[in-house]
Amino acid sequence: MPRFFLHYRDGFGLLKDPTGVPLPNVEAAHAEALRRARDVLGQLSHWSSDLMDEMVREMAFEITDEAGRIVEIVSFLAAIGPLH
């Protein structure tokens, strides 16, 4: 099974995922990034909405494959809204 790395990007830089996660395809990696983004946003829910809005615009997961190629970027804005 391929391994995907979900690197976290915010206004301060990039935090690399050193281990990655085995997932069957890019679509599954996208779904995992959305799940993780919702977890992070849930932890930030006590922050002021103005500050959070500004922060969320800069937050994303850069999904790379095992060769280090970016296969998708998932903005945290995509994680806001109804759960699927």
PDB file of N, CA and C in Angstrom:
ATOM      1  N   MET A   1       0.850  -1.173   0.000  1.00  0.00           N
ATOM      2  CA  MET A   1       0.000   0.000   0.000  1.00  0.00           C
ATOM      3  C   MET A   1       0.899   1.241   0.000  1.00  0.00           C
ATOM      4  N   PRO A   2       0.551   2.248  -0.787  1.00  0.00           N
ATOM      5  CA  PRO A   2       1.372   3.463  -0.817  1.00  0.00           C
ATOM      6  C   PRO A   2       1.342   4.202   0.513  1.00  0.00           C
ATOM      7  N   ARG A   3       2.381   4.957   0.752  1.00  0.00           N
ATOM      8  CA  ARG A   3       2.477   5.772   1.968  1.00  0.00           C
ATOM      9  C   ARG A   3       2.388   7.236   1.554  1.00  0.00           C
ATOM     10  N   PHE A   4       1.528   7.973   2.263  1.00  0.00           N
ATOM     11  CA  PHE A   4       1.365   9.400   2.025  1.00  0.00           C
ATOM     12  C   PHE A   4       1.780  10.161   3.266  1.00  0.00           C
ATOM     13  N   PHE A   5       2.345  11.338   3.048  1.00  0.00           N
ATOM     14  CA  PHE A   5       2.820  12.187   4.133  1.00  0.00           C
ATOM     15  C   PHE A   5       1.958  13.437   4.161  1.00  0.00           C
ATOM     16  N   LEU A   6       1.412  13.746   5.336  1.00  0.00           N
ATOM     17  CA  LEU A   6       0.536  14.905   5.482  1.00  0.00           C
ATOM     18  C   LEU A   6       1.307  15.974   6.239  1.00  0.00           C
ATOM     19  N   HIS A   7       1.973  16.839   5.480  1.00  0.00           N
ATOM     20  CA  HIS A   7       2.769  17.916   6.060  1.00  0.00           C
ATOM     21  C   HIS A   7       1.840  19.079   6.389  1.00  0.00           C
ATOM     22  N   TYR A   8       1.996  19.630   7.586  1.00  0.00           N
ATOM     23  CA  TYR A   8       1.131  20.710   8.068  1.00  0.00           C
ATOM     24  C   TYR A   8       1.763  22.063   7.760  1.00  0.00           C
ATOM     25  N   ARG A   9       1.023  22.917   7.080  1.00  0.00           N
ATOM     26  CA  ARG A   9       1.502  24.263   6.766  1.00  0.00           C
ATOM     27  C   ARG A   9       0.588  25.286   7.434  1.00  0.00           C
ATOM     28  N   ASP A  10       1.229  26.297   8.039  1.00  0.00           N
ATOM     29  CA  ASP A  10       0.483  27.430   8.572  1.00  0.00           C
ATOM     30  C   ASP A  10       1.279  28.697   8.284  1.00  0.00           C
ATOM     31  N   GLY A  11       0.899  29.797   8.888  1.00  0.00           N
ATOM     32  CA  GLY A  11       1.557  31.061   8.630  1.00  0.00           C
ATOM     33  C   GLY A  11       2.993  31.127   9.113  1.00  0.00           C
ATOM     34  N   PHE A  12       3.430  30.141   9.867  1.00  0.00           N
ATOM     35  CA  PHE A  12       4.788  30.118  10.405  1.00  0.00           C
ATOM     36  C   PHE A  12       5.732  29.223   9.620  1.00  0.00           C
ATOM     37  N   GLY A  13       5.195  28.365   8.764  1.00  0.00           N
ATOM     38  CA  GLY A  13       6.061  27.479   8.000  1.00  0.00           C
ATOM     39  C   GLY A  13       5.447  26.114   7.799  1.00  0.00           C
ATOM     40  N   LEU A  14       6.309  25.136   7.567  1.00  0.00           N
ATOM     41  CA  LEU A  14       5.897  23.769   7.256  1.00  0.00           C
ATOM     42  C   LEU A  14       6.429  22.815   8.311  1.00  0.00           C
ATOM     43  N   LEU A  15       5.525  22.011   8.876  1.00  0.00           N
ATOM     44  CA  LEU A  15       5.896  20.961   9.816  1.00  0.00           C
ATOM     45  C   LEU A  15       5.758  19.639   9.070  1.00  0.00           C
ATOM     46  N   LYS A  16       6.898  18.991   8.812  1.00  0.00           N
ATOM     47  CA  LYS A  16       6.891  17.764   8.005  1.00  0.00           C
ATOM     48  C   LYS A  16       6.441  16.561   8.824  1.00  0.00           C
ATOM     49  N   ASP A  17       5.657  15.738   8.185  1.00  0.00           N
ATOM     50  CA  ASP A  17       5.212  14.458   8.734  1.00  0.00           C
ATOM     51  C   ASP A  17       6.346  13.461   8.492  1.00  0.00           C
ATOM     52  N   PRO A  18       7.032  13.014   9.554  1.00  0.00           N
ATOM     53  CA  PRO A  18       8.197  12.157   9.353  1.00  0.00           C
ATOM     54  C   PRO A  18       7.871  10.694   9.043  1.00  0.00           C
ATOM     55  N   THR A  19       6.663  10.240   9.375  1.00  0.00           N
ATOM     56  CA  THR A  19       6.357   8.821   9.231  1.00  0.00           C
ATOM     57  C   THR A  19       5.359   8.502   8.121  1.00  0.00           C
ATOM     58  N   GLY A  20       4.461   9.411   7.851  1.00  0.00           N
ATOM     59  CA  GLY A  20       3.441   9.153   6.842  1.00  0.00           C
ATOM     60  C   GLY A  20       2.434   8.125   7.309  1.00  0.00           C
ATOM     61  N   VAL A  21       1.518   7.813   6.425  1.00  0.00           N
ATOM     62  CA  VAL A  21       0.470   6.853   6.737  1.00  0.00           C
ATOM     63  C   VAL A  21       0.161   6.040   5.482  1.00  0.00           C
ATOM     64  N   PRO A  22       0.063   4.708   5.626  1.00  0.00           N
ATOM     65  CA  PRO A  22      -0.291   3.901   4.459  1.00  0.00           C
ATOM     66  C   PRO A  22      -1.775   4.060   4.131  1.00  0.00           C
ATOM     67  N   LEU A  23      -2.043   4.466   2.905  1.00  0.00           N
ATOM     68  CA  LEU A  23      -3.420   4.646   2.445  1.00  0.00           C
ATOM     69  C   LEU A  23      -3.517   4.134   1.016  1.00  0.00           C
ATOM     70  N   PRO A  24      -4.699   3.694   0.607  1.00  0.00           N
ATOM     71  CA  PRO A  24      -4.817   3.069  -0.712  1.00  0.00           C
ATOM     72  C   PRO A  24      -4.647   4.017  -1.897  1.00  0.00           C
ATOM     73  N   ASN A  25      -4.986   5.315  -1.707  1.00  0.00           N
ATOM     74  CA  ASN A  25      -4.928   6.236  -2.852  1.00  0.00           C
ATOM     75  C   ASN A  25      -4.984   7.683  -2.374  1.00  0.00           C
ATOM     76  N   VAL A  26      -4.904   8.599  -3.326  1.00  0.00           N
ATOM     77  CA  VAL A  26      -4.912  10.029  -3.013  1.00  0.00           C
ATOM     78  C   VAL A  26      -6.246  10.444  -2.391  1.00  0.00           C
ATOM     79  N   GLU A  27      -7.333   9.852  -2.837  1.00  0.00           N
ATOM     80  CA  GLU A  27      -8.650  10.190  -2.287  1.00  0.00           C
ATOM     81  C   GLU A  27      -8.711   9.856  -0.796  1.00  0.00           C
ATOM     82  N   ALA A  28      -8.142   8.736  -0.394  1.00  0.00           N
ATOM     83  CA  ALA A  28      -8.106   8.362   1.014  1.00  0.00           C
ATOM     84  C   ALA A  28      -7.201   9.309   1.799  1.00  0.00           C
ATOM     85  N   ALA A  29      -6.108   9.740   1.185  1.00  0.00           N
ATOM     86  CA  ALA A  29      -5.214  10.708   1.830  1.00  0.00           C
ATOM     87  C   ALA A  29      -5.931  12.044   2.014  1.00  0.00           C
ATOM     88  N   HIS A  30      -6.716  12.449   1.026  1.00  0.00           N
ATOM     89  CA  HIS A  30      -7.510  13.679   1.121  1.00  0.00           C
ATOM     90  C   HIS A  30      -8.488  13.578   2.297  1.00  0.00           C
ATOM     91  N   ALA A  31      -9.194  12.463   2.397  1.00  0.00           N
ATOM     92  CA  ALA A  31     -10.151  12.258   3.484  1.00  0.00           C
ATOM     93  C   ALA A  31      -9.446  12.286   4.841  1.00  0.00           C
ATOM     94  N   GLU A  32      -8.270  11.698   4.934  1.00  0.00           N
ATOM     95  CA  GLU A  32      -7.497  11.709   6.184  1.00  0.00           C
ATOM     96  C   GLU A  32      -7.074  13.134   6.532  1.00  0.00           C
ATOM     97  N   ALA A  33      -6.674  13.908   5.545  1.00  0.00           N
ATOM     98  CA  ALA A  33      -6.291  15.306   5.788  1.00  0.00           C
ATOM     99  C   ALA A  33      -7.485  16.107   6.304  1.00  0.00           C
ATOM    100  N   LEU A  34      -8.657  15.902   5.736  1.00  0.00           N
ATOM    101  CA  LEU A  34      -9.855  16.596   6.214  1.00  0.00           C
ATOM    102  C   LEU A  34     -10.175  16.203   7.652  1.00  0.00           C
ATOM    103  N   ARG A  35     -10.044  14.916   7.969  1.00  0.00           N
ATOM    104  CA  ARG A  35     -10.319  14.447   9.329  1.00  0.00           C
ATOM    105  C   ARG A  35      -9.376  15.116  10.317  1.00  0.00           C
ATOM    106  N   ARG A  36      -8.079  15.144   9.970  1.00  0.00           N
ATOM    107  CA  ARG A  36      -7.086  15.757  10.849  1.00  0.00           C
ATOM    108  C   ARG A  36      -7.315  17.258  10.984  1.00  0.00           C
ATOM    109  N   ALA A  37      -7.689  17.903   9.888  1.00  0.00           N
ATOM    110  CA  ALA A  37      -7.960  19.341   9.935  1.00  0.00           C
ATOM    111  C   ALA A  37      -9.129  19.629  10.873  1.00  0.00           C
ATOM    112  N   ARG A  38     -10.170  18.815  10.809  1.00  0.00           N
ATOM    113  CA  ARG A  38     -11.323  19.002  11.706  1.00  0.00           C
ATOM    114  C   ARG A  38     -10.919  18.795  13.161  1.00  0.00           C
ATOM    115  N   ASP A  39     -10.035  17.840  13.410  1.00  0.00           N
ATOM    116  CA  ASP A  39      -9.541  17.626  14.778  1.00  0.00           C
ATOM    117  C   ASP A  39      -8.814  18.872  15.284  1.00  0.00           C
ATOM    118  N   VAL A  40      -7.943  19.427  14.458  1.00  0.00           N
ATOM    119  CA  VAL A  40      -7.190  20.624  14.844  1.00  0.00           C
ATOM    120  C   VAL A  40      -8.143  21.791  15.060  1.00  0.00           C
ATOM    121  N   LEU A  41      -9.081  21.984  14.152  1.00  0.00           N
ATOM    122  CA  LEU A  41     -10.028  23.090  14.280  1.00  0.00           C
ATOM    123  C   LEU A  41     -10.873  22.952  15.534  1.00  0.00           C
ATOM    124  N   GLY A  42     -11.215  21.731  15.893  1.00  0.00           N
ATOM    125  CA  GLY A  42     -11.964  21.505  17.129  1.00  0.00           C
ATOM    126  C   GLY A  42     -11.185  21.932  18.357  1.00  0.00           C
ATOM    127  N   GLN A  43      -9.873  21.766  18.328  1.00  0.00           N
ATOM    128  CA  GLN A  43      -9.028  22.182  19.446  1.00  0.00           C
ATOM    129  C   GLN A  43      -8.886  23.696  19.510  1.00  0.00           C
ATOM    130  N   LEU A  44      -9.109  24.377  18.402  1.00  0.00           N
ATOM    131  CA  LEU A  44      -8.975  25.834  18.349  1.00  0.00           C
ATOM    132  C   LEU A  44     -10.308  26.550  18.524  1.00  0.00           C
ATOM    133  N   SER A  45     -11.373  25.812  18.725  1.00  0.00           N
ATOM    134  CA  SER A  45     -12.711  26.405  18.725  1.00  0.00           C
ATOM    135  C   SER A  45     -12.919  27.437  19.830  1.00  0.00           C
ATOM    136  N   HIS A  46     -12.098  27.428  20.865  1.00  0.00           N
ATOM    137  CA  HIS A  46     -12.255  28.389  21.960  1.00  0.00           C
ATOM    138  C   HIS A  46     -11.590  29.739  21.648  1.00  0.00           C
ATOM    139  N   TRP A  47     -10.861  29.831  20.546  1.00  0.00           N
ATOM    140  CA  TRP A  47     -10.197  31.081  20.161  1.00  0.00           C
ATOM    141  C   TRP A  47     -11.223  32.045  19.587  1.00  0.00           C
ATOM    142  N   SER A  48     -10.890  33.318  19.587  1.00  0.00           N
ATOM    143  CA  SER A  48     -11.799  34.311  19.012  1.00  0.00           C
ATOM    144  C   SER A  48     -11.997  34.016  17.533  1.00  0.00           C
ATOM    145  N   SER A  49     -13.195  34.287  17.035  1.00  0.00           N
ATOM    146  CA  SER A  49     -13.497  33.940  15.643  1.00  0.00           C
ATOM    147  C   SER A  49     -12.662  34.763  14.661  1.00  0.00           C
ATOM    148  N   ASP A  50     -12.361  36.022  14.981  1.00  0.00           N
ATOM    149  CA  ASP A  50     -11.539  36.830  14.072  1.00  0.00           C
ATOM    150  C   ASP A  50     -10.138  36.250  13.944  1.00  0.00           C
ATOM    151  N   LEU A  51      -9.538  35.884  15.067  1.00  0.00           N
ATOM    152  CA  LEU A  51      -8.196  35.307  15.050  1.00  0.00           C
ATOM    153  C   LEU A  51      -8.208  33.960  14.342  1.00  0.00           C
ATOM    154  N   MET A  52      -9.213  33.163  14.633  1.00  0.00           N
ATOM    155  CA  MET A  52      -9.288  31.844  14.013  1.00  0.00           C
ATOM    156  C   MET A  52      -9.490  31.959  12.504  1.00  0.00           C
ATOM    157  N   ASP A  53     -10.342  32.874  12.062  1.00  0.00           N
ATOM    158  CA  ASP A  53     -10.557  33.060  10.624  1.00  0.00           C
ATOM    159  C   ASP A  53      -9.243  33.379   9.916  1.00  0.00           C
ATOM    160  N   GLU A  54      -8.464  34.264  10.512  1.00  0.00           N
ATOM    161  CA  GLU A  54      -7.178  34.640   9.918  1.00  0.00           C
ATOM    162  C   GLU A  54      -6.220  33.453   9.871  1.00  0.00           C
ATOM    163  N   MET A  55      -6.165  32.696  10.964  1.00  0.00           N
ATOM    164  CA  MET A  55      -5.262  31.548  11.031  1.00  0.00           C
ATOM    165  C   MET A  55      -5.651  30.463  10.025  1.00  0.00           C
ATOM    166  N   VAL A  56      -6.942  30.174   9.950  1.00  0.00           N
ATOM    167  CA  VAL A  56      -7.423  29.066   9.111  1.00  0.00           C
ATOM    168  C   VAL A  56      -7.102  29.312   7.644  1.00  0.00           C
ATOM    169  N   ARG A  57      -7.122  30.542   7.207  1.00  0.00           N
ATOM    170  CA  ARG A  57      -6.817  30.855   5.800  1.00  0.00           C
ATOM    171  C   ARG A  57      -5.414  30.385   5.413  1.00  0.00           C
ATOM    172  N   GLU A  58      -4.507  30.330   6.376  1.00  0.00           N
ATOM    173  CA  GLU A  58      -3.120  29.965   6.087  1.00  0.00           C
ATOM    174  C   GLU A  58      -2.804  28.498   6.398  1.00  0.00           C
ATOM    175  N   MET A  59      -3.761  27.767   6.931  1.00  0.00           N
ATOM    176  CA  MET A  59      -3.512  26.386   7.347  1.00  0.00           C
ATOM    177  C   MET A  59      -3.910  25.407   6.241  1.00  0.00           C
ATOM    178  N   ALA A  60      -3.041  24.418   6.027  1.00  0.00           N
ATOM    179  CA  ALA A  60      -3.305  23.396   5.006  1.00  0.00           C
ATOM    180  C   ALA A  60      -2.443  22.164   5.277  1.00  0.00           C
ATOM    181  N   PHE A  61      -2.848  21.064   4.707  1.00  0.00           N
ATOM    182  CA  PHE A  61      -2.010  19.874   4.652  1.00  0.00           C
ATOM    183  C   PHE A  61      -1.488  19.732   3.234  1.00  0.00           C
ATOM    184  N   GLU A  62      -0.179  19.625   3.099  1.00  0.00           N
ATOM    185  CA  GLU A  62       0.435  19.304   1.819  1.00  0.00           C
ATOM    186  C   GLU A  62       0.655  17.798   1.819  1.00  0.00           C
ATOM    187  N   ILE A  63      -0.044  17.125   0.954  1.00  0.00           N
ATOM    188  CA  ILE A  63       0.057  15.670   0.877  1.00  0.00           C
ATOM    189  C   ILE A  63       1.115  15.325  -0.160  1.00  0.00           C
ATOM    190  N   THR A  64       2.105  14.556   0.260  1.00  0.00           N
ATOM    191  CA  THR A  64       3.136  14.111  -0.673  1.00  0.00           C
ATOM    192  C   THR A  64       3.146  12.585  -0.743  1.00  0.00           C
ATOM    193  N   ASP A  65       3.647  12.088  -1.859  1.00  0.00           N
ATOM    194  CA  ASP A  65       3.825  10.646  -2.007  1.00  0.00           C
ATOM    195  C   ASP A  65       5.192  10.250  -1.452  1.00  0.00           C
ATOM    196  N   GLU A  66       5.520   8.985  -1.583  1.00  0.00           N
ATOM    197  CA  GLU A  66       6.782   8.483  -1.034  1.00  0.00           C
ATOM    198  C   GLU A  66       8.007   9.092  -1.697  1.00  0.00           C
ATOM    199  N   ALA A  67       7.851   9.594  -2.908  1.00  0.00           N
ATOM    200  CA  ALA A  67       8.961  10.233  -3.617  1.00  0.00           C
ATOM    201  C   ALA A  67       9.096  11.711  -3.246  1.00  0.00           C
ATOM    202  N   GLY A  68       8.170  12.210  -2.405  1.00  0.00           N
ATOM    203  CA  GLY A  68       8.233  13.600  -1.983  1.00  0.00           C
ATOM    204  C   GLY A  68       7.500  14.568  -2.891  1.00  0.00           C
ATOM    205  N   ARG A  69       6.782  14.046  -3.878  1.00  0.00           N
ATOM    206  CA  ARG A  69       6.018  14.906  -4.790  1.00  0.00           C
ATOM    207  C   ARG A  69       4.697  15.311  -4.139  1.00  0.00           C
ATOM    208  N   ILE A  70       4.361  16.584  -4.231  1.00  0.00           N
ATOM    209  CA  ILE A  70       3.062  17.039  -3.719  1.00  0.00           C
ATOM    210  C   ILE A  70       1.985  16.504  -4.659  1.00  0.00           C
ATOM    211  N   VAL A  71       1.047  15.749  -4.081  1.00  0.00           N
ATOM    212  CA  VAL A  71      -0.040  15.191  -4.887  1.00  0.00           C
ATOM    213  C   VAL A  71      -1.342  15.953  -4.670  1.00  0.00           C
ATOM    214  N   GLU A  72      -1.423  16.689  -3.554  1.00  0.00           N
ATOM    215  CA  GLU A  72      -2.616  17.487  -3.284  1.00  0.00           C
ATOM    216  C   GLU A  72      -2.333  18.404  -2.107  1.00  0.00           C
ATOM    217  N   ILE A  73      -3.005  19.545  -2.107  1.00  0.00           N
ATOM    218  CA  ILE A  73      -2.975  20.458  -0.963  1.00  0.00           C
ATOM    219  C   ILE A  73      -4.405  20.596  -0.480  1.00  0.00           C
ATOM    220  N   VAL A  74      -4.609  20.328   0.813  1.00  0.00           N
ATOM    221  CA  VAL A  74      -5.947  20.397   1.399  1.00  0.00           C
ATOM    222  C   VAL A  74      -5.976  21.555   2.385  1.00  0.00           C
ATOM    223  N   SER A  75      -6.682  22.607   2.008  1.00  0.00           N
ATOM    224  CA  SER A  75      -6.837  23.771   2.870  1.00  0.00           C
ATOM    225  C   SER A  75      -7.753  23.431   4.038  1.00  0.00           C
ATOM    226  N   PHE A  76      -7.470  24.009   5.185  1.00  0.00           N
ATOM    227  CA  PHE A  76      -8.355  23.813   6.322  1.00  0.00           C
ATOM    228  C   PHE A  76      -9.729  24.421   6.052  1.00  0.00           C
ATOM    229  N   LEU A  77      -9.825  25.383   5.147  1.00  0.00           N
ATOM    230  CA  LEU A  77     -11.117  25.954   4.783  1.00  0.00           C
ATOM    231  C   LEU A  77     -12.044  24.857   4.240  1.00  0.00           C
ATOM    232  N   ALA A  78     -11.477  23.853   3.588  1.00  0.00           N
ATOM    233  CA  ALA A  78     -12.267  22.751   3.052  1.00  0.00           C
ATOM    234  C   ALA A  78     -12.870  21.887   4.161  1.00  0.00           C
ATOM    235  N   ALA A  79     -12.279  21.967   5.356  1.00  0.00           N
ATOM    236  CA  ALA A  79     -12.764  21.151   6.484  1.00  0.00           C
ATOM    237  C   ALA A  79     -13.892  21.824   7.251  1.00  0.00           C
ATOM    238  N   ILE A  80     -14.143  23.087   6.938  1.00  0.00           N
ATOM    239  CA  ILE A  80     -15.224  23.803   7.616  1.00  0.00           C
ATOM    240  C   ILE A  80     -16.512  23.544   6.861  1.00  0.00           C
ATOM    241  N   GLY A  81     -17.541  23.199   7.604  1.00  0.00           N
ATOM    242  CA  GLY A  81     -18.827  22.945   6.964  1.00  0.00           C
ATOM    243  C   GLY A  81     -19.362  21.599   7.393  1.00  0.00           C
ATOM    244  N   PRO A  82     -20.361  21.127   6.694  1.00  0.00           N
ATOM    245  CA  PRO A  82     -20.990  19.868   7.096  1.00  0.00           C
ATOM    246  C   PRO A  82     -20.039  18.683   6.947  1.00  0.00           C
ATOM    247  N   LEU A  83     -20.138  17.769   7.892  1.00  0.00           N
ATOM    248  CA  LEU A  83     -19.358  16.540   7.815  1.00  0.00           C
ATOM    249  C   LEU A  83     -20.037  15.597   6.826  1.00  0.00           C
ATOM    250  N   HIS A  84     -19.217  14.845   6.109  1.00  0.00           N
ATOM    251  CA  HIS A  84     -19.766  13.904   5.119  1.00  0.00           C
ATOM    252  C   HIS A  84     -19.942  12.546   5.751  1.00  0.00           C
TER     253      HIS A  84
END
